[in-house]
């Protein structure tokens, strides 16, 4: 027999109680669940049955009231999916380690993987980076979608490029440079078209007969 497994449990009576009781506050209690051990009865089906019973016992210890329709079920906590609060130059963002460390060789990933030191605001429990806050929105969206999504009238491409270079997110740097090149091409064509139209108007004006 192994030692029993201790499971911490938070119970909120205000919404978990199936009887509808509205007890205030939360209590923390500790349950002990015996570790799984194969029964003496030999056989694959029997072992599966007892194992399933043990799993249900553990689930009952963690969620004593079971599933309740209409109530969100908390996802199993993990290091990569836990929310991370970041203060970028005074602008607050919330993301996950999975997103922030997507490009392992980037400075941003190294900051949140513990390779490089990062400032922690102990009062607010936010990580602080003294960079441009507004442009970080687009960096975060790129990490989430692997796509550079910018408004059509975006005017701060140079700032965004500088920030991407600082965070050393190479794929984003390449995307921004490509975007800027295409924007420059569009503007060049527009200027050439405008110049051609102006030239045609001047020629029409000079070639037309003067009025008496």
N, C-alpha and C. Protein backbone atom coordinates (compact mmCIF):
# COMPACT_ATOMS: atom_id res chain seq x y z
N UNK A 1 0.84 -1.20 0.00
CA UNK A 1 0.00 0.00 0.00
C UNK A 1 0.88 1.25 0.00
N UNK A 2 0.59 2.16 -0.86
CA UNK A 2 1.33 3.41 -0.92
C UNK A 2 0.70 4.45 -0.03
N UNK A 3 1.34 5.57 0.08
CA UNK A 3 0.78 6.66 0.88
C UNK A 3 -0.39 7.27 0.14
N UNK A 4 -1.30 7.84 0.90
CA UNK A 4 -2.47 8.44 0.28
C UNK A 4 -2.13 9.74 -0.40
N UNK A 5 -2.85 10.06 -1.48
CA UNK A 5 -2.63 11.29 -2.23
C UNK A 5 -3.47 12.40 -1.63
N UNK A 6 -2.82 13.52 -1.28
CA UNK A 6 -3.53 14.66 -0.72
C UNK A 6 -3.91 15.62 -1.82
N UNK A 7 -5.14 16.07 -1.84
CA UNK A 7 -5.64 16.96 -2.88
C UNK A 7 -6.23 18.20 -2.23
N UNK A 8 -5.67 19.36 -2.54
CA UNK A 8 -6.23 20.63 -2.06
C UNK A 8 -7.48 20.95 -2.85
N UNK A 9 -8.47 21.45 -2.17
CA UNK A 9 -9.73 21.72 -2.85
C UNK A 9 -10.29 23.06 -2.41
N UNK A 10 -10.61 23.92 -3.36
CA UNK A 10 -11.31 25.18 -3.10
C UNK A 10 -12.78 24.97 -3.42
N UNK A 11 -13.66 25.30 -2.50
CA UNK A 11 -15.10 25.11 -2.73
C UNK A 11 -15.79 26.45 -2.55
N UNK A 12 -16.49 26.90 -3.55
CA UNK A 12 -17.26 28.13 -3.46
C UNK A 12 -18.73 27.76 -3.35
N UNK A 13 -19.32 27.92 -2.19
CA UNK A 13 -20.71 27.52 -1.99
C UNK A 13 -21.69 28.42 -2.71
N UNK A 14 -21.26 29.60 -3.09
CA UNK A 14 -22.19 30.54 -3.70
C UNK A 14 -22.71 30.06 -5.04
N UNK A 15 -21.96 29.18 -5.75
CA UNK A 15 -22.46 28.69 -7.03
C UNK A 15 -22.27 27.19 -7.22
N UNK A 16 -21.47 26.54 -6.35
CA UNK A 16 -21.22 25.12 -6.53
C UNK A 16 -22.23 24.24 -5.82
N UNK A 17 -22.88 24.76 -4.80
CA UNK A 17 -23.79 23.93 -4.02
C UNK A 17 -25.01 23.55 -4.85
N UNK A 18 -25.26 22.26 -5.10
CA UNK A 18 -26.39 21.87 -5.94
C UNK A 18 -27.74 22.15 -5.31
N UNK A 19 -27.76 22.33 -3.99
CA UNK A 19 -29.02 22.63 -3.31
C UNK A 19 -29.37 24.11 -3.37
N UNK A 20 -28.49 24.90 -3.96
CA UNK A 20 -28.78 26.32 -4.13
C UNK A 20 -28.45 27.16 -2.92
N UNK A 21 -27.73 26.60 -1.95
CA UNK A 21 -27.38 27.38 -0.78
C UNK A 21 -26.44 28.51 -1.18
N UNK A 22 -26.60 29.65 -0.56
CA UNK A 22 -25.80 30.83 -0.90
C UNK A 22 -24.83 31.15 0.23
N UNK A 23 -24.15 30.16 0.74
CA UNK A 23 -23.16 30.41 1.79
C UNK A 23 -22.06 31.31 1.24
N UNK A 24 -21.61 32.24 2.05
CA UNK A 24 -20.61 33.21 1.60
C UNK A 24 -19.21 32.68 1.87
N UNK A 25 -18.26 33.19 1.06
CA UNK A 25 -16.86 32.87 1.27
C UNK A 25 -16.47 31.55 0.65
N UNK A 26 -15.21 31.21 0.83
CA UNK A 26 -14.65 29.98 0.30
C UNK A 26 -13.94 29.26 1.44
N UNK A 27 -13.92 27.95 1.38
CA UNK A 27 -13.15 27.21 2.37
C UNK A 27 -12.18 26.30 1.63
N UNK A 28 -11.09 26.02 2.27
CA UNK A 28 -10.07 25.16 1.68
C UNK A 28 -9.98 23.91 2.54
N UNK A 29 -10.14 22.76 1.94
CA UNK A 29 -10.06 21.54 2.70
C UNK A 29 -9.16 20.55 1.98
N UNK A 30 -8.72 19.56 2.73
CA UNK A 30 -7.75 18.63 2.21
C UNK A 30 -8.34 17.24 2.25
N UNK A 31 -8.38 16.55 1.13
CA UNK A 31 -8.90 15.19 1.06
C UNK A 31 -7.76 14.22 0.80
N UNK A 32 -7.89 13.04 1.32
CA UNK A 32 -6.90 12.01 1.09
C UNK A 32 -7.52 10.91 0.23
N UNK A 33 -6.85 10.58 -0.87
CA UNK A 33 -7.32 9.55 -1.78
C UNK A 33 -6.26 8.48 -1.87
N UNK A 34 -6.65 7.25 -1.62
CA UNK A 34 -5.69 6.16 -1.68
C UNK A 34 -5.13 6.01 -3.08
N UNK A 35 -3.82 5.74 -3.22
CA UNK A 35 -3.25 5.56 -4.56
C UNK A 35 -3.80 4.33 -5.23
N UNK A 36 -3.80 4.34 -6.54
CA UNK A 36 -4.34 3.20 -7.28
C UNK A 36 -3.41 2.00 -7.13
N UNK A 37 -4.01 0.87 -6.86
CA UNK A 37 -3.27 -0.39 -6.85
C UNK A 37 -4.15 -1.44 -7.52
N UNK A 38 -3.51 -2.28 -8.32
CA UNK A 38 -4.26 -3.29 -9.06
C UNK A 38 -4.90 -4.28 -8.10
N UNK A 39 -6.18 -4.64 -8.30
CA UNK A 39 -6.85 -5.59 -7.41
C UNK A 39 -6.27 -6.99 -7.55
N UNK A 40 -6.62 -7.82 -6.56
CA UNK A 40 -6.10 -9.19 -6.57
C UNK A 40 -6.71 -10.01 -7.71
N UNK A 41 -7.92 -9.64 -8.13
CA UNK A 41 -8.56 -10.36 -9.23
C UNK A 41 -7.79 -10.07 -10.51
N UNK A 42 -7.27 -11.10 -11.13
CA UNK A 42 -6.44 -10.92 -12.31
C UNK A 42 -7.32 -10.84 -13.54
N UNK A 43 -7.02 -9.91 -14.43
CA UNK A 43 -7.79 -9.78 -15.67
C UNK A 43 -7.81 -8.35 -16.13
N UNK A 44 -7.69 -8.15 -17.43
CA UNK A 44 -7.60 -6.80 -17.98
C UNK A 44 -8.87 -6.00 -17.74
N UNK A 45 -10.03 -6.64 -17.94
CA UNK A 45 -11.30 -5.94 -17.77
C UNK A 45 -11.51 -5.53 -16.31
N UNK A 46 -11.14 -6.43 -15.38
CA UNK A 46 -11.29 -6.13 -13.97
C UNK A 46 -10.38 -4.97 -13.57
N UNK A 47 -9.14 -5.00 -14.02
CA UNK A 47 -8.20 -3.93 -13.71
C UNK A 47 -8.69 -2.59 -14.25
N UNK A 48 -9.24 -2.59 -15.47
CA UNK A 48 -9.77 -1.37 -16.07
C UNK A 48 -10.92 -0.82 -15.23
N UNK A 49 -11.78 -1.73 -14.72
CA UNK A 49 -12.93 -1.32 -13.92
C UNK A 49 -12.49 -0.63 -12.65
N UNK A 50 -11.54 -1.24 -11.93
CA UNK A 50 -11.09 -0.66 -10.67
C UNK A 50 -10.30 0.62 -10.89
N UNK A 51 -9.52 0.68 -11.98
CA UNK A 51 -8.79 1.90 -12.28
C UNK A 51 -9.76 3.04 -12.55
N UNK A 52 -10.83 2.76 -13.30
CA UNK A 52 -11.83 3.79 -13.59
C UNK A 52 -12.50 4.27 -12.31
N UNK A 53 -12.75 3.35 -11.38
CA UNK A 53 -13.33 3.75 -10.09
C UNK A 53 -12.41 4.69 -9.33
N UNK A 54 -11.09 4.39 -9.37
CA UNK A 54 -10.12 5.24 -8.68
C UNK A 54 -10.08 6.63 -9.29
N UNK A 55 -10.12 6.71 -10.64
CA UNK A 55 -10.11 7.99 -11.33
C UNK A 55 -11.33 8.81 -10.93
N UNK A 56 -12.49 8.17 -10.88
CA UNK A 56 -13.72 8.87 -10.49
C UNK A 56 -13.65 9.35 -9.05
N UNK A 57 -12.97 8.59 -8.19
CA UNK A 57 -12.80 9.00 -6.79
C UNK A 57 -11.96 10.27 -6.69
N UNK A 58 -10.88 10.31 -7.47
CA UNK A 58 -10.03 11.50 -7.48
C UNK A 58 -10.79 12.70 -8.02
N UNK A 59 -11.54 12.49 -9.11
CA UNK A 59 -12.33 13.59 -9.68
C UNK A 59 -13.37 14.10 -8.69
N UNK A 60 -13.95 13.20 -7.92
CA UNK A 60 -14.94 13.59 -6.92
C UNK A 60 -14.29 14.41 -5.81
N UNK A 61 -13.03 14.06 -5.48
CA UNK A 61 -12.32 14.81 -4.44
C UNK A 61 -12.04 16.23 -4.89
N UNK A 62 -11.72 16.39 -6.17
CA UNK A 62 -11.41 17.73 -6.70
C UNK A 62 -12.67 18.52 -6.97
N UNK A 63 -13.68 17.88 -7.55
CA UNK A 63 -14.97 18.53 -7.87
C UNK A 63 -16.08 17.75 -7.17
N UNK A 64 -16.30 18.01 -5.87
CA UNK A 64 -17.23 17.20 -5.08
C UNK A 64 -18.67 17.25 -5.57
N UNK A 65 -19.04 18.29 -6.30
CA UNK A 65 -20.41 18.39 -6.77
C UNK A 65 -20.55 17.97 -8.22
N UNK A 66 -19.47 17.52 -8.84
CA UNK A 66 -19.55 17.06 -10.22
C UNK A 66 -19.75 18.22 -11.18
N UNK A 67 -20.09 17.86 -12.42
CA UNK A 67 -20.34 18.87 -13.44
C UNK A 67 -21.72 19.47 -13.24
N UNK A 68 -21.82 20.78 -13.41
CA UNK A 68 -23.09 21.48 -13.31
C UNK A 68 -23.30 22.24 -14.60
N UNK A 69 -24.40 21.96 -15.29
CA UNK A 69 -24.69 22.65 -16.54
C UNK A 69 -24.80 24.15 -16.32
N UNK A 70 -24.20 24.92 -17.24
CA UNK A 70 -24.28 26.37 -17.16
C UNK A 70 -23.21 27.02 -16.31
N UNK A 71 -22.38 26.21 -15.65
CA UNK A 71 -21.30 26.74 -14.82
C UNK A 71 -19.97 26.45 -15.51
N UNK A 72 -19.13 27.46 -15.77
CA UNK A 72 -17.84 27.20 -16.42
C UNK A 72 -16.99 26.23 -15.60
N UNK A 73 -16.35 25.30 -16.27
CA UNK A 73 -15.49 24.34 -15.61
C UNK A 73 -14.03 24.79 -15.75
N UNK A 74 -13.34 25.02 -14.66
CA UNK A 74 -11.94 25.47 -14.75
C UNK A 74 -11.08 24.44 -15.48
N UNK A 75 -10.23 24.94 -16.38
CA UNK A 75 -9.30 24.06 -17.08
C UNK A 75 -8.20 23.65 -16.12
N UNK A 76 -7.61 22.47 -16.33
CA UNK A 76 -6.49 22.06 -15.47
C UNK A 76 -5.36 23.07 -15.56
N UNK A 77 -4.85 23.54 -14.43
CA UNK A 77 -3.79 24.56 -14.46
C UNK A 77 -2.49 23.99 -15.01
N UNK A 78 -1.77 24.83 -15.74
CA UNK A 78 -0.46 24.44 -16.23
C UNK A 78 0.42 25.67 -16.29
N UNK A 79 1.72 25.47 -16.31
CA UNK A 79 2.65 26.59 -16.32
C UNK A 79 2.51 27.43 -17.58
N UNK A 80 2.28 26.77 -18.72
CA UNK A 80 2.25 27.49 -20.00
C UNK A 80 0.93 28.22 -20.24
N UNK A 81 -0.16 27.72 -19.66
CA UNK A 81 -1.47 28.33 -19.93
C UNK A 81 -1.92 29.32 -18.87
N UNK A 82 -1.18 29.44 -17.78
CA UNK A 82 -1.56 30.37 -16.72
C UNK A 82 -1.44 31.81 -17.21
N UNK A 83 -2.37 32.70 -16.83
CA UNK A 83 -2.30 34.10 -17.27
C UNK A 83 -1.04 34.80 -16.76
N UNK A 84 -0.45 35.63 -17.62
CA UNK A 84 0.72 36.44 -17.26
C UNK A 84 0.36 37.89 -17.54
N UNK A 85 0.52 38.74 -16.53
CA UNK A 85 0.19 40.16 -16.66
C UNK A 85 1.47 40.95 -16.92
N UNK A 86 1.45 41.76 -17.99
CA UNK A 86 2.64 42.47 -18.43
C UNK A 86 2.32 43.96 -18.54
N UNK A 87 3.23 44.77 -18.03
CA UNK A 87 3.13 46.23 -18.16
C UNK A 87 4.20 46.64 -19.17
N UNK A 88 3.76 47.05 -20.37
CA UNK A 88 4.68 47.51 -21.41
C UNK A 88 4.58 49.02 -21.50
N UNK A 89 5.52 49.72 -20.92
CA UNK A 89 5.54 51.18 -20.96
C UNK A 89 4.28 51.83 -20.43
N UNK A 90 3.62 51.18 -19.46
CA UNK A 90 2.40 51.73 -18.87
C UNK A 90 1.12 51.15 -19.42
N UNK A 91 1.20 50.33 -20.48
CA UNK A 91 0.02 49.68 -21.04
C UNK A 91 0.00 48.22 -20.57
N UNK A 92 -1.12 47.80 -19.99
CA UNK A 92 -1.22 46.46 -19.39
C UNK A 92 -1.75 45.46 -20.41
N UNK A 93 -1.07 44.35 -20.51
CA UNK A 93 -1.51 43.23 -21.36
C UNK A 93 -1.55 41.96 -20.52
N UNK A 94 -2.39 41.04 -20.95
CA UNK A 94 -2.44 39.72 -20.32
C UNK A 94 -2.28 38.67 -21.40
N UNK A 95 -1.36 37.76 -21.19
CA UNK A 95 -1.11 36.69 -22.16
C UNK A 95 -0.75 35.42 -21.41
N UNK A 96 -0.10 34.48 -22.08
CA UNK A 96 0.35 33.25 -21.45
C UNK A 96 1.82 33.01 -21.78
N UNK A 97 2.47 32.19 -21.00
CA UNK A 97 3.86 31.84 -21.30
C UNK A 97 3.97 31.11 -22.64
N UNK A 98 2.95 30.36 -22.96
CA UNK A 98 2.96 29.64 -24.24
C UNK A 98 3.06 30.61 -25.41
N UNK A 99 2.34 31.72 -25.33
CA UNK A 99 2.39 32.74 -26.39
C UNK A 99 3.68 33.53 -26.35
N UNK A 100 4.07 33.97 -25.18
CA UNK A 100 5.23 34.85 -25.04
C UNK A 100 6.55 34.15 -25.36
N UNK A 101 6.59 32.84 -25.20
CA UNK A 101 7.83 32.09 -25.47
C UNK A 101 7.74 31.29 -26.76
N UNK A 102 6.89 31.71 -27.66
CA UNK A 102 6.67 30.96 -28.90
C UNK A 102 7.93 30.82 -29.73
N UNK A 103 8.66 31.94 -29.89
CA UNK A 103 9.91 31.92 -30.64
C UNK A 103 11.06 31.85 -29.64
N UNK A 104 11.57 30.66 -29.45
CA UNK A 104 12.48 30.36 -28.34
C UNK A 104 13.75 31.20 -28.36
N UNK A 105 14.21 31.59 -29.54
CA UNK A 105 15.46 32.33 -29.64
C UNK A 105 15.28 33.84 -29.51
N UNK A 106 14.05 34.29 -29.37
CA UNK A 106 13.80 35.73 -29.27
C UNK A 106 14.12 36.24 -27.87
N UNK A 107 14.40 37.53 -27.78
CA UNK A 107 14.64 38.15 -26.48
C UNK A 107 13.40 38.04 -25.60
N UNK A 108 12.22 38.21 -26.21
CA UNK A 108 10.98 38.14 -25.46
C UNK A 108 10.82 36.77 -24.80
N UNK A 109 11.09 35.71 -25.55
CA UNK A 109 10.98 34.35 -25.00
C UNK A 109 11.98 34.14 -23.87
N UNK A 110 13.18 34.65 -24.04
CA UNK A 110 14.22 34.49 -23.02
C UNK A 110 13.86 35.23 -21.74
N UNK A 111 13.18 36.37 -21.87
CA UNK A 111 12.74 37.12 -20.69
C UNK A 111 11.74 36.31 -19.87
N UNK A 112 10.84 35.61 -20.56
CA UNK A 112 9.78 34.90 -19.84
C UNK A 112 10.09 33.42 -19.64
N UNK A 113 11.25 32.99 -20.11
CA UNK A 113 11.69 31.62 -19.83
C UNK A 113 12.72 31.59 -18.71
N UNK A 114 13.08 32.77 -18.19
CA UNK A 114 14.03 32.84 -17.09
C UNK A 114 15.47 32.91 -17.53
N UNK A 115 15.72 32.97 -18.83
CA UNK A 115 17.10 33.07 -19.33
C UNK A 115 17.67 34.46 -19.11
N UNK A 116 16.83 35.49 -19.31
CA UNK A 116 17.22 36.88 -19.08
C UNK A 116 16.40 37.44 -17.92
N UNK A 117 16.97 38.32 -17.12
CA UNK A 117 16.21 38.90 -15.99
C UNK A 117 15.15 39.87 -16.50
N UNK A 118 14.06 39.95 -15.77
CA UNK A 118 12.97 40.86 -16.11
C UNK A 118 12.47 41.52 -14.84
N UNK A 119 12.08 42.79 -14.94
CA UNK A 119 11.62 43.53 -13.78
C UNK A 119 10.22 43.09 -13.38
N UNK A 120 10.01 42.84 -12.08
CA UNK A 120 8.70 42.48 -11.55
C UNK A 120 8.21 43.60 -10.64
N UNK A 121 7.03 44.13 -10.96
CA UNK A 121 6.38 45.10 -10.08
C UNK A 121 5.72 44.31 -8.95
N UNK A 122 6.38 44.23 -7.81
CA UNK A 122 5.89 43.38 -6.73
C UNK A 122 4.57 43.88 -6.14
N UNK A 123 4.29 45.17 -6.27
CA UNK A 123 3.04 45.70 -5.74
C UNK A 123 1.85 45.23 -6.57
N UNK A 124 1.98 45.30 -7.90
CA UNK A 124 0.89 44.92 -8.78
C UNK A 124 1.02 43.51 -9.32
N UNK A 125 2.18 42.87 -9.09
CA UNK A 125 2.44 41.54 -9.62
C UNK A 125 2.38 41.52 -11.15
N UNK A 126 2.91 42.58 -11.76
CA UNK A 126 3.02 42.67 -13.21
C UNK A 126 4.50 42.66 -13.58
N UNK A 127 4.83 41.97 -14.66
CA UNK A 127 6.18 42.09 -15.22
C UNK A 127 6.25 43.39 -16.02
N UNK A 128 7.36 44.11 -15.87
CA UNK A 128 7.46 45.42 -16.50
C UNK A 128 8.58 45.45 -17.53
N UNK A 129 8.26 45.97 -18.73
CA UNK A 129 9.25 46.19 -19.79
C UNK A 129 9.08 47.63 -20.27
N UNK A 130 10.16 48.39 -20.23
CA UNK A 130 10.10 49.80 -20.59
C UNK A 130 10.25 49.98 -22.10
N UNK A 131 9.18 49.62 -22.82
CA UNK A 131 9.14 49.76 -24.28
C UNK A 131 7.82 50.37 -24.69
N UNK A 132 7.62 50.53 -26.01
CA UNK A 132 6.40 51.16 -26.52
C UNK A 132 5.19 50.25 -26.28
N UNK A 133 4.23 50.77 -25.53
CA UNK A 133 3.08 49.95 -25.15
C UNK A 133 2.08 49.72 -26.28
N UNK A 134 1.84 50.74 -27.09
CA UNK A 134 0.81 50.62 -28.12
C UNK A 134 1.19 49.60 -29.20
N UNK A 135 2.45 49.61 -29.60
CA UNK A 135 2.86 48.70 -30.67
C UNK A 135 2.92 47.25 -30.20
N UNK A 136 3.01 47.03 -28.89
CA UNK A 136 3.10 45.65 -28.39
C UNK A 136 1.82 44.86 -28.68
N UNK A 137 0.72 45.59 -28.85
CA UNK A 137 -0.54 44.93 -29.22
C UNK A 137 -0.37 44.12 -30.51
N UNK A 138 0.30 44.72 -31.50
CA UNK A 138 0.49 44.05 -32.78
C UNK A 138 1.51 42.91 -32.68
N UNK A 139 2.48 43.08 -31.80
CA UNK A 139 3.45 42.00 -31.57
C UNK A 139 2.77 40.80 -30.94
N UNK A 140 1.90 41.07 -29.98
CA UNK A 140 1.18 40.00 -29.30
C UNK A 140 0.25 39.27 -30.26
N UNK A 141 -0.42 40.02 -31.12
CA UNK A 141 -1.31 39.40 -32.10
C UNK A 141 -0.52 38.55 -33.10
N UNK A 142 0.68 38.99 -33.45
CA UNK A 142 1.51 38.18 -34.34
C UNK A 142 1.89 36.86 -33.67
N UNK A 143 2.22 36.92 -32.39
CA UNK A 143 2.57 35.69 -31.66
C UNK A 143 1.38 34.75 -31.58
N UNK A 144 0.19 35.30 -31.50
CA UNK A 144 -1.01 34.47 -31.39
C UNK A 144 -1.42 33.85 -32.72
N UNK A 145 -1.27 34.62 -33.81
CA UNK A 145 -1.84 34.20 -35.09
C UNK A 145 -0.81 33.89 -36.18
N UNK A 146 0.46 34.18 -35.91
CA UNK A 146 1.50 34.02 -36.94
C UNK A 146 1.19 34.85 -38.18
N UNK A 147 0.58 35.99 -37.96
CA UNK A 147 0.19 36.86 -39.07
C UNK A 147 0.28 38.31 -38.62
N UNK A 148 0.82 39.16 -39.50
CA UNK A 148 0.89 40.58 -39.19
C UNK A 148 -0.42 41.24 -39.58
N UNK A 149 -1.15 41.70 -38.58
CA UNK A 149 -2.47 42.29 -38.80
C UNK A 149 -2.41 43.76 -38.41
N UNK A 150 -2.48 44.64 -39.40
CA UNK A 150 -2.39 46.07 -39.16
C UNK A 150 -3.54 46.78 -39.87
N UNK A 151 -4.01 47.91 -39.32
CA UNK A 151 -5.04 48.69 -40.02
C UNK A 151 -4.47 49.28 -41.31
N UNK A 152 -5.34 49.55 -42.27
CA UNK A 152 -4.89 50.03 -43.58
C UNK A 152 -4.19 51.38 -43.50
N UNK A 153 -4.53 52.18 -42.51
CA UNK A 153 -3.93 53.52 -42.38
C UNK A 153 -2.86 53.57 -41.30
N UNK A 154 -2.24 52.45 -41.01
CA UNK A 154 -1.24 52.38 -39.93
C UNK A 154 -0.03 53.23 -40.28
N UNK A 155 0.34 54.14 -39.39
CA UNK A 155 1.38 55.11 -39.68
C UNK A 155 2.65 54.92 -38.85
N UNK A 156 2.71 53.89 -38.00
CA UNK A 156 3.84 53.75 -37.10
C UNK A 156 4.62 52.47 -37.37
N UNK A 157 4.80 52.17 -38.65
CA UNK A 157 5.49 50.95 -39.04
C UNK A 157 6.95 50.96 -38.59
N UNK A 158 7.58 52.13 -38.63
CA UNK A 158 8.99 52.22 -38.22
C UNK A 158 9.14 51.92 -36.72
N UNK A 159 8.19 52.40 -35.92
CA UNK A 159 8.22 52.13 -34.48
C UNK A 159 8.02 50.63 -34.22
N UNK A 160 7.07 50.05 -34.93
CA UNK A 160 6.80 48.62 -34.77
C UNK A 160 8.02 47.78 -35.17
N UNK A 161 8.68 48.18 -36.23
CA UNK A 161 9.88 47.47 -36.67
C UNK A 161 10.98 47.57 -35.61
N UNK A 162 11.14 48.75 -35.04
CA UNK A 162 12.15 48.93 -34.00
C UNK A 162 11.86 48.04 -32.79
N UNK A 163 10.58 47.93 -32.42
CA UNK A 163 10.21 47.08 -31.29
C UNK A 163 10.42 45.60 -31.60
N UNK A 164 10.09 45.18 -32.82
CA UNK A 164 10.29 43.79 -33.22
C UNK A 164 11.77 43.43 -33.21
N UNK A 165 12.60 44.37 -33.63
CA UNK A 165 14.05 44.15 -33.59
C UNK A 165 14.53 44.04 -32.15
N UNK A 166 13.99 44.89 -31.26
CA UNK A 166 14.38 44.83 -29.85
C UNK A 166 14.04 43.47 -29.24
N UNK A 167 12.83 43.00 -29.52
CA UNK A 167 12.42 41.70 -28.96
C UNK A 167 13.04 40.51 -29.71
N UNK A 168 13.73 40.80 -30.81
CA UNK A 168 14.45 39.79 -31.58
C UNK A 168 13.52 38.69 -32.11
N UNK A 169 12.35 39.12 -32.57
CA UNK A 169 11.40 38.18 -33.17
C UNK A 169 11.63 38.23 -34.68
N UNK A 170 12.51 37.38 -35.17
CA UNK A 170 12.98 37.44 -36.56
C UNK A 170 11.84 37.31 -37.57
N UNK A 171 10.93 36.35 -37.44
CA UNK A 171 9.84 36.25 -38.42
C UNK A 171 8.99 37.52 -38.51
N UNK A 172 8.79 38.17 -37.37
CA UNK A 172 8.01 39.41 -37.37
C UNK A 172 8.78 40.54 -38.05
N UNK A 173 10.08 40.61 -37.80
CA UNK A 173 10.91 41.62 -38.48
C UNK A 173 10.81 41.47 -39.98
N UNK A 174 10.88 40.23 -40.46
CA UNK A 174 10.79 39.98 -41.90
C UNK A 174 9.42 40.37 -42.44
N UNK A 175 8.37 40.07 -41.69
CA UNK A 175 7.01 40.43 -42.12
C UNK A 175 6.85 41.95 -42.22
N UNK A 176 7.38 42.66 -41.24
CA UNK A 176 7.25 44.12 -41.24
C UNK A 176 8.01 44.72 -42.41
N UNK A 177 9.22 44.23 -42.67
CA UNK A 177 10.00 44.74 -43.80
C UNK A 177 9.29 44.46 -45.12
N UNK A 178 8.69 43.29 -45.24
CA UNK A 178 7.94 42.96 -46.45
C UNK A 178 6.72 43.88 -46.60
N UNK A 179 6.03 44.12 -45.47
CA UNK A 179 4.87 45.02 -45.48
C UNK A 179 5.29 46.42 -45.90
N UNK A 180 6.40 46.90 -45.33
CA UNK A 180 6.87 48.24 -45.66
C UNK A 180 7.27 48.35 -47.12
N UNK A 181 7.89 47.30 -47.66
CA UNK A 181 8.27 47.30 -49.07
C UNK A 181 7.05 47.37 -49.98
N UNK A 182 6.02 46.60 -49.63
CA UNK A 182 4.80 46.62 -50.44
C UNK A 182 4.10 47.97 -50.34
N UNK A 183 4.13 48.57 -49.13
CA UNK A 183 3.54 49.91 -48.96
C UNK A 183 4.29 50.94 -49.80
N UNK A 184 5.61 50.85 -49.81
CA UNK A 184 6.41 51.79 -50.61
C UNK A 184 6.14 51.61 -52.09
N UNK A 185 5.95 50.38 -52.52
CA UNK A 185 5.64 50.11 -53.93
C UNK A 185 4.30 50.72 -54.31
N UNK A 186 3.32 50.55 -53.44
CA UNK A 186 1.98 51.11 -53.69
C UNK A 186 2.06 52.63 -53.77
N UNK A 187 2.79 53.26 -52.84
CA UNK A 187 2.90 54.72 -52.84
C UNK A 187 3.64 55.21 -54.08
N UNK A 188 4.67 54.47 -54.50
CA UNK A 188 5.43 54.85 -55.69
C UNK A 188 4.54 54.81 -56.93
N UNK A 189 3.75 53.76 -57.05
CA UNK A 189 2.83 53.64 -58.18
C UNK A 189 1.79 54.75 -58.15
N UNK A 190 1.33 55.08 -56.96
CA UNK A 190 0.34 56.15 -56.83
C UNK A 190 0.94 57.49 -57.25
N UNK A 191 2.18 57.75 -56.85
CA UNK A 191 2.84 59.00 -57.24
C UNK A 191 3.06 59.06 -58.75
N UNK A 192 3.47 57.93 -59.33
CA UNK A 192 3.68 57.89 -60.78
C UNK A 192 2.38 58.11 -61.53
N UNK A 193 1.29 57.53 -61.03
CA UNK A 193 -0.01 57.71 -61.66
C UNK A 193 -0.47 59.16 -61.57
N UNK A 194 -0.24 59.76 -60.42
CA UNK A 194 -0.61 61.17 -60.24
C UNK A 194 0.20 62.08 -61.16
N UNK A 195 1.50 61.80 -61.27
CA UNK A 195 2.36 62.60 -62.14
C UNK A 195 1.95 62.46 -63.60
N UNK A 196 1.56 61.24 -64.01
CA UNK A 196 1.11 61.02 -65.39
C UNK A 196 -0.18 61.77 -65.68
N UNK A 197 -1.10 61.75 -64.74
CA UNK A 197 -2.36 62.47 -64.92
C UNK A 197 -2.12 63.98 -65.01
N UNK A 198 -1.21 64.49 -64.16
CA UNK A 198 -0.90 65.92 -64.20
C UNK A 198 -0.28 66.30 -65.56
N UNK A 199 0.59 65.45 -66.07
CA UNK A 199 1.24 65.71 -67.36
C UNK A 199 0.22 65.73 -68.50
N UNK A 200 -0.74 64.78 -68.46
CA UNK A 200 -1.78 64.72 -69.49
C UNK A 200 -2.66 65.96 -69.44
N UNK A 201 -2.99 66.43 -68.27
CA UNK A 201 -3.82 67.64 -68.15
C UNK A 201 -3.08 68.85 -68.70
N UNK A 202 -1.77 68.95 -68.41
CA UNK A 202 -0.98 70.07 -68.92
C UNK A 202 -0.92 70.04 -70.44
N UNK A 203 -0.68 68.85 -71.01
CA UNK A 203 -0.61 68.72 -72.47
C UNK A 203 -1.94 69.07 -73.12
N UNK A 204 -3.05 68.63 -72.53
CA UNK A 204 -4.36 68.95 -73.08
C UNK A 204 -4.60 70.45 -73.03
N UNK A 205 -4.17 71.08 -71.96
CA UNK A 205 -4.39 72.52 -71.80
C UNK A 205 -3.57 73.32 -72.82
N UNK A 206 -2.32 72.93 -73.05
CA UNK A 206 -1.44 73.66 -73.96
C UNK A 206 -1.79 73.43 -75.44
N UNK A 207 -2.36 72.23 -75.74
CA UNK A 207 -2.66 71.91 -77.13
C UNK A 207 -4.06 72.41 -77.57
N UNK A 208 -4.87 72.75 -76.62
CA UNK A 208 -6.22 73.21 -76.98
C UNK A 208 -6.14 74.61 -77.56
N UNK A 209 -6.97 74.96 -78.63
CA UNK A 209 -6.95 76.30 -79.24
C UNK A 209 -7.43 77.37 -78.27
N UNK A 210 -6.80 78.51 -78.33
CA UNK A 210 -7.18 79.60 -77.44
C UNK A 210 -8.54 80.15 -77.84
N UNK A 211 -9.29 80.48 -76.86
CA UNK A 211 -10.63 81.05 -77.16
C UNK A 211 -10.49 82.48 -77.59
N UNK A 212 -11.34 82.89 -78.59
CA UNK A 212 -11.31 84.27 -79.11
C UNK A 212 -11.86 85.21 -78.06
